[in-house]
C-alpha atoms as a PDB file:
ATOM      1  CA  MET A   1       0.000   0.000   0.000  1.00  0.00           C
ATOM      2  CA  SER A   2       1.478   3.382  -0.988  1.00  0.00           C
ATOM      3  CA  ALA A   3       1.664   6.355   1.369  1.00  0.00           C
ATOM      4  CA  ALA A   4      -0.598   9.354   0.828  1.00  0.00           C
ATOM      5  CA  LEU A   5       1.035  12.273  -0.964  1.00  0.00           C
ATOM      6  CA  THR A   6       1.122  15.709   0.650  1.00  0.00           C
ATOM      7  CA  SER A   7       0.519  18.681  -1.627  1.00  0.00           C
ATOM      8  CA  TYR A   8      -1.124  22.099  -1.574  1.00  0.00           C
ATOM      9  CA  LEU A   9      -4.479  23.414  -2.668  1.00  0.00           C
ATOM     10  CA  VAL A  10      -4.191  27.051  -3.725  1.00  0.00           C
ATOM     11  CA  GLU A  11      -7.410  29.049  -4.009  1.00  0.00           C
ATOM     12  CA  ILE A  12      -7.639  32.382  -5.809  1.00  0.00           C
ATOM     13  CA  LEU A  13     -10.712  34.419  -4.829  1.00  0.00           C
ATOM     14  CA  LEU A  14     -11.487  36.767  -7.706  1.00  0.00           C
ATOM     15  CA  PRO A  15     -14.077  39.521  -7.974  1.00  0.00           C
ATOM     16  CA  LYS A  16     -16.508  39.417 -10.882  1.00  0.00           C
ATOM     17  CA  GLU A  17     -16.107  43.217 -11.286  1.00  0.00           C
ATOM     18  CA  THR A  18     -13.090  45.515 -11.284  1.00  0.00           C
ATOM     19  CA  GLY A  19     -12.598  48.081  -8.557  1.00  0.00           C
ATOM     20  CA  HIS A  20     -14.215  50.556 -10.965  1.00  0.00           C
ATOM     21  CA  GLY A  21     -17.409  48.475 -11.248  1.00  0.00           C
ATOM     22  CA  LYS A  22     -16.679  47.072 -14.721  1.00  0.00           C
ATOM     23  CA  HIS A  23     -17.807  43.476 -15.360  1.00  0.00           C
ATOM     24  CA  ILE A  24     -14.903  41.053 -15.890  1.00  0.00           C
ATOM     25  CA  GLY A  25     -15.607  38.937 -18.955  1.00  0.00           C
ATOM     26  CA  GLN A  26     -15.510  35.143 -19.149  1.00  0.00           C
ATOM     27  CA  GLY A  27     -12.537  35.350 -21.512  1.00  0.00           C
ATOM     28  CA  TRP A  28     -10.361  36.968 -18.836  1.00  0.00           C
ATOM     29  CA  PHE A  29     -11.065  34.088 -16.428  1.00  0.00           C
ATOM     30  CA  GLU A  30     -10.434  31.511 -19.163  1.00  0.00           C
ATOM     31  CA  ASP A  31      -7.066  33.130 -19.971  1.00  0.00           C
ATOM     32  CA  LEU A  32      -6.023  32.941 -16.309  1.00  0.00           C
ATOM     33  CA  LEU A  33      -7.180  29.320 -16.099  1.00  0.00           C
ATOM     34  CA  THR A  34      -5.126  28.480 -19.208  1.00  0.00           C
ATOM     35  CA  GLU A  35      -2.064  30.242 -17.764  1.00  0.00           C
ATOM     36  CA  LEU A  36      -2.316  28.290 -14.500  1.00  0.00           C
ATOM     37  CA  THR A  37      -2.918  25.003 -16.337  1.00  0.00           C
ATOM     38  CA  LYS A  38       0.240  25.520 -18.405  1.00  0.00           C
ATOM     39  CA  LYS A  39       2.306  26.172 -15.262  1.00  0.00           C
ATOM     40  CA  PHE A  40       0.814  23.586 -12.893  1.00  0.00           C
ATOM     41  CA  GLY A  41      -0.699  20.976 -15.208  1.00  0.00           C
ATOM     42  CA  GLY A  42      -4.294  21.745 -14.271  1.00  0.00           C
ATOM     43  CA  ALA A  43      -6.670  24.184 -12.613  1.00  0.00           C
ATOM     44  CA  THR A  44     -10.369  24.225 -11.731  1.00  0.00           C
ATOM     45  CA  SER A  45     -12.654  27.235 -11.956  1.00  0.00           C
ATOM     46  CA  PHE A  46     -15.882  27.983 -10.141  1.00  0.00           C
ATOM     47  CA  ILE A  47     -16.975  30.957 -12.215  1.00  0.00           C
ATOM     48  CA  ARG A  48     -20.505  30.316 -13.448  1.00  0.00           C
ATOM     49  CA  ALA A  49     -21.973  30.017  -9.943  1.00  0.00           C
ATOM     50  CA  PRO A  50     -20.215  32.885  -8.192  1.00  0.00           C
ATOM     51  CA  GLY A  51     -20.040  33.176  -4.453  1.00  0.00           C
ATOM     52  CA  HIS A  52     -21.327  36.237  -2.671  1.00  0.00           C
ATOM     53  CA  GLY A  53     -19.155  37.817   0.019  1.00  0.00           C
ATOM     54  CA  LEU A  54     -19.859  40.511   2.602  1.00  0.00           C
ATOM     55  CA  TRP A  55     -17.321  42.307   4.777  1.00  0.00           C
ATOM     56  CA  ARG A  56     -17.082  45.370   6.994  1.00  0.00           C
ATOM     57  CA  SER A  57     -14.709  48.206   6.145  1.00  0.00           C
ATOM     58  CA  ASN A  58     -14.627  51.572   7.910  1.00  0.00           C
ATOM     59  CA  GLY A  59     -18.066  50.986   9.420  1.00  0.00           C
ATOM     60  CA  THR A  60     -19.662  50.142   6.072  1.00  0.00           C
ATOM     61  CA  THR A  61     -20.794  46.746   4.800  1.00  0.00           C
ATOM     62  CA  LYS A  62     -19.453  45.987   1.329  1.00  0.00           C
ATOM     63  CA  SER A  63     -20.163  43.075  -0.976  1.00  0.00           C
ATOM     64  CA  ASP A  64     -18.711  41.251  -3.959  1.00  0.00           C
ATOM     65  CA  ASN A  65     -19.659  38.455  -6.294  1.00  0.00           C
ATOM     66  CA  ILE A  66     -16.611  36.241  -6.546  1.00  0.00           C
ATOM     67  CA  ALA A  67     -15.244  33.429  -8.641  1.00  0.00           C
ATOM     68  CA  ILE A  68     -12.746  30.884  -7.336  1.00  0.00           C
ATOM     69  CA  ILE A  69      -9.915  29.192  -9.185  1.00  0.00           C
ATOM     70  CA  GLU A  70      -8.162  26.238  -7.542  1.00  0.00           C
ATOM     71  CA  VAL A  71      -4.776  24.731  -8.283  1.00  0.00           C
ATOM     72  CA  MET A  72      -3.202  21.641  -6.740  1.00  0.00           C
ATOM     73  CA  THR A  73       0.577  21.652  -6.597  1.00  0.00           C
ATOM     74  CA  ASP A  74       3.354  19.692  -4.915  1.00  0.00           C
ATOM     75  CA  GLN A  75       5.505  22.813  -4.412  1.00  0.00           C
ATOM     76  CA  LEU A  76       4.026  26.006  -2.952  1.00  0.00           C
ATOM     77  CA  GLU A  77       6.270  28.616  -4.676  1.00  0.00           C
ATOM     78  CA  PRO A  78       5.272  31.605  -2.453  1.00  0.00           C
ATOM     79  CA  GLU A  79       7.120  34.145  -4.614  1.00  0.00           C
ATOM     80  CA  TYR A  80       5.160  33.103  -7.720  1.00  0.00           C
ATOM     81  CA  TRP A  81       1.847  33.499  -5.898  1.00  0.00           C
ATOM     82  CA  LYS A  82       2.869  36.864  -4.429  1.00  0.00           C
ATOM     83  CA  ASP A  83       3.778  38.142  -7.906  1.00  0.00           C
ATOM     84  CA  LEU A  84       0.518  36.804  -9.343  1.00  0.00           C
ATOM     85  CA  ARG A  85      -1.531  38.420  -6.563  1.00  0.00           C
ATOM     86  CA  GLU A  86       0.114  41.795  -7.141  1.00  0.00           C
ATOM     87  CA  ARG A  87      -0.472  41.522 -10.897  1.00  0.00           C
ATOM     88  CA  LEU A  88      -4.138  40.607 -10.426  1.00  0.00           C
ATOM     89  CA  GLU A  89      -4.640  43.513  -8.019  1.00  0.00           C
ATOM     90  CA  ARG A  90      -3.260  45.895 -10.654  1.00  0.00           C
ATOM     91  CA  GLU A  91      -5.234  44.354 -13.530  1.00  0.00           C
ATOM     92  CA  LEU A  92      -8.488  44.360 -11.592  1.00  0.00           C
ATOM     93  CA  SER A  93      -7.967  47.713  -9.825  1.00  0.00           C
ATOM     94  CA  ARG A  94      -8.481  46.034  -6.452  1.00  0.00           C
ATOM     95  CA  GLU A  95      -6.893  46.765  -3.085  1.00  0.00           C
ATOM     96  CA  GLU A  96      -6.622  43.062  -2.356  1.00  0.00           C
ATOM     97  CA  VAL A  97      -7.030  39.780  -4.179  1.00  0.00           C
ATOM     98  CA  VAL A  98      -6.964  36.831  -1.787  1.00  0.00           C
ATOM     99  CA  ILE A  99      -4.794  33.864  -2.689  1.00  0.00           C
ATOM    100  CA  ARG A 100      -4.688  31.259   0.031  1.00  0.00           C
ATOM    101  CA  ALA A 101      -3.129  27.837   0.331  1.00  0.00           C
ATOM    102  CA  GLN A 102      -3.680  24.845   2.522  1.00  0.00           C
ATOM    103  CA  GLU A 103      -1.702  21.676   2.866  1.00  0.00           C
ATOM    104  CA  ILE A 104      -3.712  18.687   1.738  1.00  0.00           C
ATOM    105  CA  ARG A 105      -3.206  14.963   1.673  1.00  0.00           C
ATOM    106  CA  ARG A 106      -4.346  13.183  -1.467  1.00  0.00           C
ATOM    107  CA  LEU A 107      -5.876   9.875  -0.482  1.00  0.00           C
END
């Protein structure tokens, strides 16, 4: 019996609109998914059924419709993800794009 492999699940939480209120088209998400697939060998998107998030900022409740892209990888590469996050924040005119990772065990 082989041992379970430890790897990482990276989740990118993406707004469905830019910081200026402009809708982000399906093609933009598909391009990012293709880019991640080329680098990591695969990626999964949850774009068509967006999540809805609420948060408090400066006493005001704000909201977003979000899409999620997931990547499984054996190596975390923090510098790559930091660079990607900064690029996405610029492209989407957002103060913050959340990219989070958790260690997982494939069974």
